[in-house]
Amino acid sequence: MAQTIQLKRAYEPASPDDGFRIYIDRLWPRGLSHETFHYDLWDKDIAPSTELREWFHADPTDRWAGFEKKYREELEANPAFLKLKEYIASKPVVTLLYSSHDETHNNAVVVYDMLNEKKSS
């Protein structure tokens, strides 16, 4: 069974095409209520460490390469990431949700890339 993993901002409306929705940020998305934000799983343990998130947030564009390398190292050593991969293996469609306004420089992009690398190897 081919699996589709996709990315979506938490602020975009939920869609049936989203499949299983996983919110992977540590902090709740600002301005969204618990009643209106639909997700199937909120896995805070997948998010970057507080120290890494705060370091990256200071200058996301210039620190992107360093963030990506450090976050990948965190994920490789994170039992929650292995658990997530096993958990979603049976899901045909998975949407990773993130709250960042920057659609190319955020932790969901790193998780997405790593999940897709593991699928193709």
PDB file of N, CA and C in Angstrom:
ATOM      1  N   MET A   1       0.851  -1.182   0.000  1.00  0.00           N
ATOM      2  CA  MET A   1       0.000   0.000   0.000  1.00  0.00           C
ATOM      3  C   MET A   1       0.894   1.242   0.000  1.00  0.00           C
ATOM      4  N   ALA A   2       0.670   2.096  -0.948  1.00  0.00           N
ATOM      5  CA  ALA A   2       1.426   3.354  -1.019  1.00  0.00           C
ATOM      6  C   ALA A   2       0.870   4.329   0.009  1.00  0.00           C
ATOM      7  N   GLN A   3       1.777   4.996   0.672  1.00  0.00           N
ATOM      8  CA  GLN A   3       1.371   5.958   1.694  1.00  0.00           C
ATOM      9  C   GLN A   3       1.650   7.371   1.195  1.00  0.00           C
ATOM     10  N   THR A   4       0.738   8.271   1.491  1.00  0.00           N
ATOM     11  CA  THR A   4       0.920   9.673   1.169  1.00  0.00           C
ATOM     12  C   THR A   4       1.108  10.442   2.467  1.00  0.00           C
ATOM     13  N   ILE A   5       2.204  11.196   2.537  1.00  0.00           N
ATOM     14  CA  ILE A   5       2.452  12.071   3.672  1.00  0.00           C
ATOM     15  C   ILE A   5       2.478  13.486   3.122  1.00  0.00           C
ATOM     16  N   GLN A   6       1.722  14.360   3.759  1.00  0.00           N
ATOM     17  CA  GLN A   6       1.635  15.737   3.271  1.00  0.00           C
ATOM     18  C   GLN A   6       1.750  16.719   4.424  1.00  0.00           C
ATOM     19  N   LEU A   7       1.986  17.968   4.062  1.00  0.00           N
ATOM     20  CA  LEU A   7       2.137  19.058   5.030  1.00  0.00           C
ATOM     21  C   LEU A   7       0.991  20.039   4.885  1.00  0.00           C
ATOM     22  N   LYS A   8       0.599  20.640   6.021  1.00  0.00           N
ATOM     23  CA  LYS A   8      -0.479  21.622   5.975  1.00  0.00           C
ATOM     24  C   LYS A   8      -0.387  22.522   7.201  1.00  0.00           C
ATOM     25  N   ARG A   9      -0.625  23.795   6.996  1.00  0.00           N
ATOM     26  CA  ARG A   9      -0.664  24.709   8.132  1.00  0.00           C
ATOM     27  C   ARG A   9      -1.893  24.412   8.981  1.00  0.00           C
ATOM     28  N   ALA A  10      -1.741  24.516  10.270  1.00  0.00           N
ATOM     29  CA  ALA A  10      -2.841  24.252  11.199  1.00  0.00           C
ATOM     30  C   ALA A  10      -4.019  25.202  10.961  1.00  0.00           C
ATOM     31  N   TYR A  11      -3.746  26.346  10.391  1.00  0.00           N
ATOM     32  CA  TYR A  11      -4.782  27.363  10.189  1.00  0.00           C
ATOM     33  C   TYR A  11      -5.626  27.119   8.946  1.00  0.00           C
ATOM     34  N   GLU A  12      -5.221  26.183   8.111  1.00  0.00           N
ATOM     35  CA  GLU A  12      -6.018  25.842   6.939  1.00  0.00           C
ATOM     36  C   GLU A  12      -7.134  24.892   7.372  1.00  0.00           C
ATOM     37  N   PRO A  13      -8.315  24.998   6.747  1.00  0.00           N
ATOM     38  CA  PRO A  13      -9.431  24.124   7.143  1.00  0.00           C
ATOM     39  C   PRO A  13      -9.109  22.647   6.923  1.00  0.00           C
ATOM     40  N   ALA A  14      -9.647  21.826   7.788  1.00  0.00           N
ATOM     41  CA  ALA A  14      -9.512  20.380   7.627  1.00  0.00           C
ATOM     42  C   ALA A  14     -10.243  19.932   6.377  1.00  0.00           C
ATOM     43  N   SER A  15      -9.745  18.872   5.771  1.00  0.00           N
ATOM     44  CA  SER A  15     -10.341  18.337   4.553  1.00  0.00           C
ATOM     45  C   SER A  15     -10.358  16.815   4.649  1.00  0.00           C
ATOM     46  N   PRO A  16     -11.330  16.159   4.026  1.00  0.00           N
ATOM     47  CA  PRO A  16     -11.328  14.692   4.019  1.00  0.00           C
ATOM     48  C   PRO A  16     -10.055  14.129   3.372  1.00  0.00           C
ATOM     49  N   ASP A  17      -9.429  14.908   2.474  1.00  0.00           N
ATOM     50  CA  ASP A  17      -8.199  14.470   1.813  1.00  0.00           C
ATOM     51  C   ASP A  17      -6.995  14.460   2.753  1.00  0.00           C
ATOM     52  N   ASP A  18      -7.151  15.008   3.950  1.00  0.00           N
ATOM     53  CA  ASP A  18      -6.042  15.066   4.910  1.00  0.00           C
ATOM     54  C   ASP A  18      -5.720  13.707   5.518  1.00  0.00           C
ATOM     55  N   GLY A  19      -6.678  12.811   5.527  1.00  0.00           N
ATOM     56  CA  GLY A  19      -6.442  11.525   6.173  1.00  0.00           C
ATOM     57  C   GLY A  19      -6.221  11.708   7.666  1.00  0.00           C
ATOM     58  N   PHE A  20      -5.196  11.054   8.199  1.00  0.00           N
ATOM     59  CA  PHE A  20      -4.879  11.112   9.627  1.00  0.00           C
ATOM     60  C   PHE A  20      -4.063  12.375   9.882  1.00  0.00           C
ATOM     61  N   ARG A  21      -4.566  13.268  10.721  1.00  0.00           N
ATOM     62  CA  ARG A  21      -3.946  14.580  10.956  1.00  0.00           C
ATOM     63  C   ARG A  21      -3.142  14.580  12.259  1.00  0.00           C
ATOM     64  N   ILE A  22      -1.848  14.919  12.137  1.00  0.00           N
ATOM     65  CA  ILE A  22      -0.955  14.943  13.298  1.00  0.00           C
ATOM     66  C   ILE A  22      -0.383  16.341  13.467  1.00  0.00           C
ATOM     67  N   TYR A  23      -0.680  16.942  14.605  1.00  0.00           N
ATOM     68  CA  TYR A  23      -0.106  18.246  14.935  1.00  0.00           C
ATOM     69  C   TYR A  23       1.217  17.988  15.641  1.00  0.00           C
ATOM     70  N   ILE A  24       2.323  18.534  15.084  1.00  0.00           N
ATOM     71  CA  ILE A  24       3.638  18.163  15.602  1.00  0.00           C
ATOM     72  C   ILE A  24       4.411  19.321  16.229  1.00  0.00           C
ATOM     73  N   ASP A  25       3.739  20.405  16.556  1.00  0.00           N
ATOM     74  CA  ASP A  25       4.402  21.496  17.277  1.00  0.00           C
ATOM     75  C   ASP A  25       4.220  21.304  18.778  1.00  0.00           C
ATOM     76  N   ARG A  26       5.128  21.864  19.536  1.00  0.00           N
ATOM     77  CA  ARG A  26       5.044  21.760  20.995  1.00  0.00           C
ATOM     78  C   ARG A  26       3.984  22.715  21.556  1.00  0.00           C
ATOM     79  N   LEU A  27       3.839  23.886  20.920  1.00  0.00           N
ATOM     80  CA  LEU A  27       2.927  24.910  21.418  1.00  0.00           C
ATOM     81  C   LEU A  27       1.619  24.898  20.635  1.00  0.00           C
ATOM     82  N   TRP A  28       0.530  25.178  21.343  1.00  0.00           N
ATOM     83  CA  TRP A  28      -0.783  25.236  20.702  1.00  0.00           C
ATOM     84  C   TRP A  28      -0.788  26.362  19.668  1.00  0.00           C
ATOM     85  N   PRO A  29      -1.445  26.177  18.511  1.00  0.00           N
ATOM     86  CA  PRO A  29      -1.471  27.230  17.489  1.00  0.00           C
ATOM     87  C   PRO A  29      -2.252  28.464  17.969  1.00  0.00           C
ATOM     88  N   ARG A  30      -1.575  29.575  17.976  1.00  0.00           N
ATOM     89  CA  ARG A  30      -2.143  30.829  18.474  1.00  0.00           C
ATOM     90  C   ARG A  30      -3.423  31.182  17.722  1.00  0.00           C
ATOM     91  N   GLY A  31      -4.457  31.495  18.482  1.00  0.00           N
ATOM     92  CA  GLY A  31      -5.708  31.956  17.896  1.00  0.00           C
ATOM     93  C   GLY A  31      -6.695  30.859  17.524  1.00  0.00           C
ATOM     94  N   LEU A  32      -6.312  29.606  17.627  1.00  0.00           N
ATOM     95  CA  LEU A  32      -7.233  28.511  17.306  1.00  0.00           C
ATOM     96  C   LEU A  32      -7.810  27.933  18.591  1.00  0.00           C
ATOM     97  N   SER A  33      -9.091  27.658  18.550  1.00  0.00           N
ATOM     98  CA  SER A  33      -9.723  27.064  19.732  1.00  0.00           C
ATOM     99  C   SER A  33      -9.660  25.545  19.628  1.00  0.00           C
ATOM    100  N   HIS A  34      -9.801  24.903  20.764  1.00  0.00           N
ATOM    101  CA  HIS A  34      -9.799  23.442  20.796  1.00  0.00           C
ATOM    102  C   HIS A  34     -11.022  22.883  20.072  1.00  0.00           C
ATOM    103  N   GLU A  35     -12.070  23.672  19.965  1.00  0.00           N
ATOM    104  CA  GLU A  35     -13.284  23.222  19.297  1.00  0.00           C
ATOM    105  C   GLU A  35     -13.159  23.289  17.775  1.00  0.00           C
ATOM    106  N   THR A  36     -12.360  24.214  17.254  1.00  0.00           N
ATOM    107  CA  THR A  36     -12.304  24.397  15.803  1.00  0.00           C
ATOM    108  C   THR A  36     -11.094  23.750  15.133  1.00  0.00           C
ATOM    109  N   PHE A  37     -10.055  23.453  15.885  1.00  0.00           N
ATOM    110  CA  PHE A  37      -8.853  22.858  15.294  1.00  0.00           C
ATOM    111  C   PHE A  37      -8.978  21.346  15.344  1.00  0.00           C
ATOM    112  N   HIS A  38      -9.056  20.736  14.178  1.00  0.00           N
ATOM    113  CA  HIS A  38      -9.222  19.277  14.106  1.00  0.00           C
ATOM    114  C   HIS A  38      -7.872  18.600  13.888  1.00  0.00           C
ATOM    115  N   TYR A  39      -7.551  17.685  14.775  1.00  0.00           N
ATOM    116  CA  TYR A  39      -6.371  16.842  14.635  1.00  0.00           C
ATOM    117  C   TYR A  39      -6.699  15.487  15.259  1.00  0.00           C
ATOM    118  N   ASP A  40      -6.013  14.463  14.789  1.00  0.00           N
ATOM    119  CA  ASP A  40      -6.218  13.121  15.329  1.00  0.00           C
ATOM    120  C   ASP A  40      -5.196  12.783  16.407  1.00  0.00           C
ATOM    121  N   LEU A  41      -4.031  13.421  16.316  1.00  0.00           N
ATOM    122  CA  LEU A  41      -2.968  13.171  17.278  1.00  0.00           C
ATOM    123  C   LEU A  41      -2.157  14.450  17.431  1.00  0.00           C
ATOM    124  N   TRP A  42      -1.841  14.797  18.668  1.00  0.00           N
ATOM    125  CA  TRP A  42      -0.938  15.913  18.937  1.00  0.00           C
ATOM    126  C   TRP A  42       0.260  15.309  19.640  1.00  0.00           C
ATOM    127  N   ASP A  43       1.372  15.216  18.932  1.00  0.00           N
ATOM    128  CA  ASP A  43       2.559  14.593  19.488  1.00  0.00           C
ATOM    129  C   ASP A  43       3.623  15.651  19.777  1.00  0.00           C
ATOM    130  N   LYS A  44       3.562  16.223  20.974  1.00  0.00           N
ATOM    131  CA  LYS A  44       4.506  17.271  21.385  1.00  0.00           C
ATOM    132  C   LYS A  44       5.937  16.748  21.438  1.00  0.00           C
ATOM    133  N   ASP A  45       6.093  15.452  21.685  1.00  0.00           N
ATOM    134  CA  ASP A  45       7.434  14.886  21.820  1.00  0.00           C
ATOM    135  C   ASP A  45       8.204  14.841  20.499  1.00  0.00           C
ATOM    136  N   ILE A  46       7.519  15.011  19.393  1.00  0.00           N
ATOM    137  CA  ILE A  46       8.174  15.050  18.082  1.00  0.00           C
ATOM    138  C   ILE A  46       8.762  16.439  17.819  1.00  0.00           C
ATOM    139  N   ALA A  47       8.236  17.435  18.471  1.00  0.00           N
ATOM    140  CA  ALA A  47       8.686  18.824  18.262  1.00  0.00           C
ATOM    141  C   ALA A  47      10.145  18.993  18.675  1.00  0.00           C
ATOM    142  N   PRO A  48      10.804  20.003  18.118  1.00  0.00           N
ATOM    143  CA  PRO A  48      12.190  20.279  18.535  1.00  0.00           C
ATOM    144  C   PRO A  48      12.248  20.618  20.022  1.00  0.00           C
ATOM    145  N   SER A  49      13.406  20.384  20.608  1.00  0.00           N
ATOM    146  CA  SER A  49      13.590  20.770  22.006  1.00  0.00           C
ATOM    147  C   SER A  49      13.355  22.275  22.146  1.00  0.00           C
ATOM    148  N   THR A  50      12.996  22.694  23.331  1.00  0.00           N
ATOM    149  CA  THR A  50      12.745  24.116  23.574  1.00  0.00           C
ATOM    150  C   THR A  50      13.970  24.949  23.223  1.00  0.00           C
ATOM    151  N   GLU A  51      15.146  24.471  23.593  1.00  0.00           N
ATOM    152  CA  GLU A  51      16.381  25.213  23.309  1.00  0.00           C
ATOM    153  C   GLU A  51      16.588  25.380  21.803  1.00  0.00           C
ATOM    154  N   LEU A  52      16.390  24.307  21.041  1.00  0.00           N
ATOM    155  CA  LEU A  52      16.577  24.374  19.594  1.00  0.00           C
ATOM    156  C   LEU A  52      15.522  25.270  18.951  1.00  0.00           C
ATOM    157  N   ARG A  53      14.285  25.139  19.396  1.00  0.00           N
ATOM    158  CA  ARG A  53      13.206  25.965  18.841  1.00  0.00           C
ATOM    159  C   ARG A  53      13.480  27.448  19.081  1.00  0.00           C
ATOM    160  N   GLU A  54      13.892  27.804  20.290  1.00  0.00           N
ATOM    161  CA  GLU A  54      14.151  29.212  20.604  1.00  0.00           C
ATOM    162  C   GLU A  54      15.357  29.741  19.829  1.00  0.00           C
ATOM    163  N   TRP A  55      16.404  28.918  19.690  1.00  0.00           N
ATOM    164  CA  TRP A  55      17.582  29.328  18.916  1.00  0.00           C
ATOM    165  C   TRP A  55      17.185  29.593  17.466  1.00  0.00           C
ATOM    166  N   PHE A  56      16.435  28.670  16.875  1.00  0.00           N
ATOM    167  CA  PHE A  56      16.012  28.791  15.477  1.00  0.00           C
ATOM    168  C   PHE A  56      15.092  29.986  15.274  1.00  0.00           C
ATOM    169  N   HIS A  57      14.178  30.205  16.178  1.00  0.00           N
ATOM    170  CA  HIS A  57      13.184  31.266  16.048  1.00  0.00           C
ATOM    171  C   HIS A  57      13.826  32.656  15.966  1.00  0.00           C
ATOM    172  N   ALA A  58      15.015  32.811  16.537  1.00  0.00           N
ATOM    173  CA  ALA A  58      15.690  34.109  16.525  1.00  0.00           C
ATOM    174  C   ALA A  58      16.055  34.559  15.107  1.00  0.00           C
ATOM    175  N   ASP A  59      16.296  33.608  14.188  1.00  0.00           N
ATOM    176  CA  ASP A  59      16.671  33.951  12.810  1.00  0.00           C
ATOM    177  C   ASP A  59      16.445  32.750  11.899  1.00  0.00           C
ATOM    178  N   PRO A  60      15.178  32.439  11.597  1.00  0.00           N
ATOM    179  CA  PRO A  60      14.848  31.204  10.880  1.00  0.00           C
ATOM    180  C   PRO A  60      15.513  31.028   9.515  1.00  0.00           C
ATOM    181  N   THR A  61      15.641  32.089   8.763  1.00  0.00           N
ATOM    182  CA  THR A  61      16.202  31.932   7.426  1.00  0.00           C
ATOM    183  C   THR A  61      17.697  31.626   7.482  1.00  0.00           C
ATOM    184  N   ASP A  62      18.443  32.402   8.235  1.00  0.00           N
ATOM    185  CA  ASP A  62      19.890  32.193   8.307  1.00  0.00           C
ATOM    186  C   ASP A  62      20.270  30.944   9.089  1.00  0.00           C
ATOM    187  N   ARG A  63      19.438  30.526  10.019  1.00  0.00           N
ATOM    188  CA  ARG A  63      19.767  29.371  10.855  1.00  0.00           C
ATOM    189  C   ARG A  63      19.134  28.068  10.358  1.00  0.00           C
ATOM    190  N   TRP A  64      18.475  28.106   9.199  1.00  0.00           N
ATOM    191  CA  TRP A  64      17.747  26.941   8.705  1.00  0.00           C
ATOM    192  C   TRP A  64      18.644  25.708   8.579  1.00  0.00           C
ATOM    193  N   ALA A  65      19.788  25.825   7.918  1.00  0.00           N
ATOM    194  CA  ALA A  65      20.657  24.662   7.700  1.00  0.00           C
ATOM    195  C   ALA A  65      21.112  24.067   9.042  1.00  0.00           C
ATOM    196  N   GLY A  66      21.477  24.916   9.979  1.00  0.00           N
ATOM    197  CA  GLY A  66      21.890  24.437  11.294  1.00  0.00           C
ATOM    198  C   GLY A  66      20.737  23.804  12.044  1.00  0.00           C
ATOM    199  N   PHE A  67      19.565  24.424  11.951  1.00  0.00           N
ATOM    200  CA  PHE A  67      18.382  23.872  12.611  1.00  0.00           C
ATOM    201  C   PHE A  67      18.055  22.495  12.041  1.00  0.00           C
ATOM    202  N   GLU A  68      18.048  22.399  10.727  1.00  0.00           N
ATOM    203  CA  GLU A  68      17.689  21.137  10.087  1.00  0.00           C
ATOM    204  C   GLU A  68      18.642  20.023  10.530  1.00  0.00           C
ATOM    205  N   LYS A  69      19.933  20.295  10.557  1.00  0.00           N
ATOM    206  CA  LYS A  69      20.918  19.293  10.985  1.00  0.00           C
ATOM    207  C   LYS A  69      20.702  18.901  12.447  1.00  0.00           C
ATOM    208  N   LYS A  70      20.544  19.887  13.326  1.00  0.00           N
ATOM    209  CA  LYS A  70      20.378  19.606  14.758  1.00  0.00           C
ATOM    210  C   LYS A  70      19.051  18.899  15.038  1.00  0.00           C
ATOM    211  N   TYR A  71      17.996  19.298  14.348  1.00  0.00           N
ATOM    212  CA  TYR A  71      16.693  18.679  14.572  1.00  0.00           C
ATOM    213  C   TYR A  71      16.679  17.235  14.072  1.00  0.00           C
ATOM    214  N   ARG A  72      17.325  16.983  12.936  1.00  0.00           N
ATOM    215  CA  ARG A  72      17.445  15.610  12.450  1.00  0.00           C
ATOM    216  C   ARG A  72      18.158  14.737  13.490  1.00  0.00           C
ATOM    217  N   GLU A  73      19.209  15.283  14.100  1.00  0.00           N
ATOM    218  CA  GLU A  73      19.933  14.544  15.139  1.00  0.00           C
ATOM    219  C   GLU A  73      19.022  14.274  16.335  1.00  0.00           C
ATOM    220  N   GLU A  74      18.224  15.274  16.718  1.00  0.00           N
ATOM    221  CA  GLU A  74      17.274  15.061  17.818  1.00  0.00           C
ATOM    222  C   GLU A  74      16.278  13.957  17.465  1.00  0.00           C
ATOM    223  N   LEU A  75      15.738  14.003  16.247  1.00  0.00           N
ATOM    224  CA  LEU A  75      14.738  13.012  15.852  1.00  0.00           C
ATOM    225  C   LEU A  75      15.322  11.601  15.800  1.00  0.00           C
ATOM    226  N   GLU A  76      16.540  11.469  15.287  1.00  0.00           N
ATOM    227  CA  GLU A  76      17.173  10.148  15.206  1.00  0.00           C
ATOM    228  C   GLU A  76      17.342   9.519  16.588  1.00  0.00           C
ATOM    229  N   ALA A  77      17.530  10.361  17.602  1.00  0.00           N
ATOM    230  CA  ALA A  77      17.728   9.865  18.974  1.00  0.00           C
ATOM    231  C   ALA A  77      16.436   9.862  19.790  1.00  0.00           C
ATOM    232  N   ASN A  78      15.325  10.225  19.162  1.00  0.00           N
ATOM    233  CA  ASN A  78      14.066  10.409  19.870  1.00  0.00           C
ATOM    234  C   ASN A  78      13.178   9.165  19.726  1.00  0.00           C
ATOM    235  N   PRO A  79      12.918   8.445  20.821  1.00  0.00           N
ATOM    236  CA  PRO A  79      12.040   7.265  20.737  1.00  0.00           C
ATOM    237  C   PRO A  79      10.642   7.615  20.229  1.00  0.00           C
ATOM    238  N   ALA A  80      10.187   8.827  20.457  1.00  0.00           N
ATOM    239  CA  ALA A  80       8.852   9.232  19.984  1.00  0.00           C
ATOM    240  C   ALA A  80       8.787   9.249  18.458  1.00  0.00           C
ATOM    241  N   PHE A  81       9.911   9.549  17.805  1.00  0.00           N
ATOM    242  CA  PHE A  81       9.927   9.557  16.341  1.00  0.00           C
ATOM    243  C   PHE A  81       9.787   8.135  15.796  1.00  0.00           C
ATOM    244  N   LEU A  82      10.492   7.197  16.394  1.00  0.00           N
ATOM    245  CA  LEU A  82      10.361   5.795  15.992  1.00  0.00           C
ATOM    246  C   LEU A  82       8.929   5.311  16.221  1.00  0.00           C
ATOM    247  N   LYS A  83       8.373   5.657  17.365  1.00  0.00           N
ATOM    248  CA  LYS A  83       6.992   5.279  17.689  1.00  0.00           C
ATOM    249  C   LYS A  83       6.023   5.884  16.670  1.00  0.00           C
ATOM    250  N   LEU A  84       6.264   7.135  16.287  1.00  0.00           N
ATOM    251  CA  LEU A  84       5.405   7.789  15.291  1.00  0.00           C
ATOM    252  C   LEU A  84       5.474   7.048  13.958  1.00  0.00           C
ATOM    253  N   LYS A  85       6.672   6.702  13.512  1.00  0.00           N
ATOM    254  CA  LYS A  85       6.823   5.990  12.234  1.00  0.00           C
ATOM    255  C   LYS A  85       6.064   4.670  12.256  1.00  0.00           C
ATOM    256  N   GLU A  86       6.160   3.956  13.360  1.00  0.00           N
ATOM    257  CA  GLU A  86       5.447   2.679  13.475  1.00  0.00           C
ATOM    258  C   GLU A  86       3.933   2.891  13.491  1.00  0.00           C
ATOM    259  N   TYR A  87       3.507   3.923  14.203  1.00  0.00           N
ATOM    260  CA  TYR A  87       2.078   4.203  14.352  1.00  0.00           C
ATOM    261  C   TYR A  87       1.431   4.581  13.021  1.00  0.00           C
ATOM    262  N   ILE A  88       2.125   5.380  12.224  1.00  0.00           N
ATOM    263  CA  ILE A  88       1.514   5.849  10.971  1.00  0.00           C
ATOM    264  C   ILE A  88       1.698   4.877   9.810  1.00  0.00           C
ATOM    265  N   ALA A  89       2.475   3.835  10.016  1.00  0.00           N
ATOM    266  CA  ALA A  89       2.761   2.892   8.925  1.00  0.00           C
ATOM    267  C   ALA A  89       1.491   2.331   8.292  1.00  0.00           C
ATOM    268  N   SER A  90       0.436   2.170   9.066  1.00  0.00           N
ATOM    269  CA  SER A  90      -0.808   1.596   8.548  1.00  0.00           C
ATOM    270  C   SER A  90      -1.787   2.650   8.029  1.00  0.00           C
ATOM    271  N   LYS A  91      -1.401   3.909   8.094  1.00  0.00           N
ATOM    272  CA  LYS A  91      -2.289   4.981   7.644  1.00  0.00           C
ATOM    273  C   LYS A  91      -1.999   5.305   6.183  1.00  0.00           C
ATOM    274  N   PRO A  92      -3.001   5.222   5.301  1.00  0.00           N
ATOM    275  CA  PRO A  92      -2.740   5.495   3.882  1.00  0.00           C
ATOM    276  C   PRO A  92      -2.421   6.968   3.597  1.00  0.00           C
ATOM    277  N   VAL A  93      -3.031   7.871   4.341  1.00  0.00           N
ATOM    278  CA  VAL A  93      -2.786   9.308   4.152  1.00  0.00           C
ATOM    279  C   VAL A  93      -2.551   9.940   5.514  1.00  0.00           C
ATOM    280  N   VAL A  94      -1.427  10.648   5.628  1.00  0.00           N
ATOM    281  CA  VAL A  94      -1.062  11.331   6.866  1.00  0.00           C
ATOM    282  C   VAL A  94      -0.762  12.783   6.529  1.00  0.00           C
ATOM    283  N   THR A  95      -1.328  13.692   7.310  1.00  0.00           N
ATOM    284  CA  THR A  95      -1.041  15.110   7.144  1.00  0.00           C
ATOM    285  C   THR A  95      -0.374  15.622   8.406  1.00  0.00           C
ATOM    286  N   LEU A  96       0.834  16.159   8.229  1.00  0.00           N
ATOM    287  CA  LEU A  96       1.563  16.774   9.332  1.00  0.00           C
ATOM    288  C   LEU A  96       1.157  18.234   9.416  1.00  0.00           C
ATOM    289  N   LEU A  97       0.667  18.632  10.572  1.00  0.00           N
ATOM    290  CA  LEU A  97       0.176  19.993  10.776  1.00  0.00           C
ATOM    291  C   LEU A  97       1.192  20.807  11.574  1.00  0.00           C
ATOM    292  N   TYR A  98       1.367  22.044  11.173  1.00  0.00           N
ATOM    293  CA  TYR A  98       2.301  22.950  11.845  1.00  0.00           C
ATOM    294  C   TYR A  98       1.686  24.341  11.881  1.00  0.00           C
ATOM    295  N   SER A  99       2.148  25.181  12.797  1.00  0.00           N
ATOM    296  CA  SER A  99       1.549  26.513  12.924  1.00  0.00           C
ATOM    297  C   SER A  99       2.408  27.637  12.361  1.00  0.00           C
ATOM    298  N   SER A 100       3.630  27.356  11.978  1.00  0.00           N
ATOM    299  CA  SER A 100       4.530  28.394  11.468  1.00  0.00           C
ATOM    300  C   SER A 100       3.949  29.084  10.232  1.00  0.00           C
ATOM    301  N   HIS A 101       4.211  30.382  10.120  1.00  0.00           N
ATOM    302  CA  HIS A 101       3.813  31.120   8.910  1.00  0.00           C
ATOM    303  C   HIS A 101       4.764  30.809   7.759  1.00  0.00           C
ATOM    304  N   ASP A 102       5.980  30.431   8.076  1.00  0.00           N
ATOM    305  CA  ASP A 102       6.997  30.117   7.069  1.00  0.00           C
ATOM    306  C   ASP A 102       6.792  28.668   6.626  1.00  0.00           C
ATOM    307  N   GLU A 103       6.370  28.494   5.399  1.00  0.00           N
ATOM    308  CA  GLU A 103       6.032  27.161   4.910  1.00  0.00           C
ATOM    309  C   GLU A 103       7.235  26.337   4.477  1.00  0.00           C
ATOM    310  N   THR A 104       8.420  26.948   4.389  1.00  0.00           N
ATOM    311  CA  THR A 104       9.598  26.200   3.960  1.00  0.00           C
ATOM    312  C   THR A 104      10.640  26.014   5.060  1.00  0.00           C
ATOM    313  N   HIS A 105      10.555  26.828   6.116  1.00  0.00           N
ATOM    314  CA  HIS A 105      11.521  26.749   7.212  1.00  0.00           C
ATOM    315  C   HIS A 105      10.775  26.462   8.513  1.00  0.00           C
ATOM    316  N   ASN A 106      10.426  25.205   8.735  1.00  0.00           N
ATOM    317  CA  ASN A 106       9.743  24.821   9.976  1.00  0.00           C
ATOM    318  C   ASN A 106      10.005  23.352  10.266  1.00  0.00           C
ATOM    319  N   ASN A 107       9.729  22.958  11.501  1.00  0.00           N
ATOM    320  CA  ASN A 107      10.031  21.596  11.919  1.00  0.00           C
ATOM    321  C   ASN A 107       9.250  20.536  11.149  1.00  0.00           C
ATOM    322  N   ALA A 108       8.058  20.845  10.684  1.00  0.00           N
ATOM    323  CA  ALA A 108       7.263  19.857   9.942  1.00  0.00           C
ATOM    324  C   ALA A 108       7.950  19.464   8.639  1.00  0.00           C
ATOM    325  N   VAL A 109       8.649  20.391   8.019  1.00  0.00           N
ATOM    326  CA  VAL A 109       9.367  20.094   6.786  1.00  0.00           C
ATOM    327  C   VAL A 109      10.439  19.032   7.047  1.00  0.00           C
ATOM    328  N   VAL A 110      11.126  19.155   8.162  1.00  0.00           N
ATOM    329  CA  VAL A 110      12.177  18.190   8.509  1.00  0.00           C
ATOM    330  C   VAL A 110      11.561  16.812   8.780  1.00  0.00           C
ATOM    331  N   VAL A 111      10.486  16.783   9.547  1.00  0.00           N
ATOM    332  CA  VAL A 111       9.814  15.499   9.838  1.00  0.00           C
ATOM    333  C   VAL A 111       9.306  14.873   8.539  1.00  0.00           C
ATOM    334  N   TYR A 112       8.683  15.679   7.703  1.00  0.00           N
ATOM    335  CA  TYR A 112       8.178  15.217   6.406  1.00  0.00           C
ATOM    336  C   TYR A 112       9.305  14.591   5.576  1.00  0.00           C
ATOM    337  N   ASP A 113      10.425  15.312   5.468  1.00  0.00           N
ATOM    338  CA  ASP A 113      11.555  14.805   4.685  1.00  0.00           C
ATOM    339  C   ASP A 113      12.068  13.487   5.258  1.00  0.00           C
ATOM    340  N   MET A 114      12.198  13.416   6.571  1.00  0.00           N
ATOM    341  CA  MET A 114      12.720  12.188   7.180  1.00  0.00           C
ATOM    342  C   MET A 114      11.759  11.010   7.006  1.00  0.00           C
ATOM    343  N   LEU A 115      10.478  11.248   7.123  1.00  0.00           N
ATOM    344  CA  LEU A 115       9.507  10.166   6.933  1.00  0.00           C
ATOM    345  C   LEU A 115       9.524   9.672   5.488  1.00  0.00           C
ATOM    346  N   ASN A 116       9.660  10.573   4.544  1.00  0.00           N
ATOM    347  CA  ASN A 116       9.703  10.187   3.146  1.00  0.00           C
ATOM    348  C   ASN A 116      11.025   9.509   2.775  1.00  0.00           C
ATOM    349  N   GLU A 117      12.135   9.888   3.414  1.00  0.00           N
ATOM    350  CA  GLU A 117      13.417   9.223   3.191  1.00  0.00           C
ATOM    351  C   GLU A 117      13.333   7.776   3.667  1.00  0.00           C
ATOM    352  N   LYS A 118      12.718   7.557   4.802  1.00  0.00           N
ATOM    353  CA  LYS A 118      12.621   6.201   5.359  1.00  0.00           C
ATOM    354  C   LYS A 118      11.723   5.331   4.492  1.00  0.00           C
ATOM    355  N   LYS A 119      10.695   5.938   3.882  1.00  0.00           N
ATOM    356  CA  LYS A 119       9.787   5.181   3.014  1.00  0.00           C
ATOM    357  C   LYS A 119      10.494   4.699   1.767  1.00  0.00           C
ATOM    358  N   SER A 120      11.369   5.539   1.215  1.00  0.00           N
ATOM    359  CA  SER A 120      11.984   5.215  -0.065  1.00  0.00           C
ATOM    360  C   SER A 120      13.243   4.367   0.064  1.00  0.00           C
ATOM    361  N   SER A 121      13.705   4.163   1.284  1.00  0.00           N
ATOM    362  CA  SER A 121      14.937   3.363   1.425  1.00  0.00           C
ATOM    363  C   SER A 121      14.642   1.915   1.723  1.00  0.00           C
TER     364      SER A 121
END
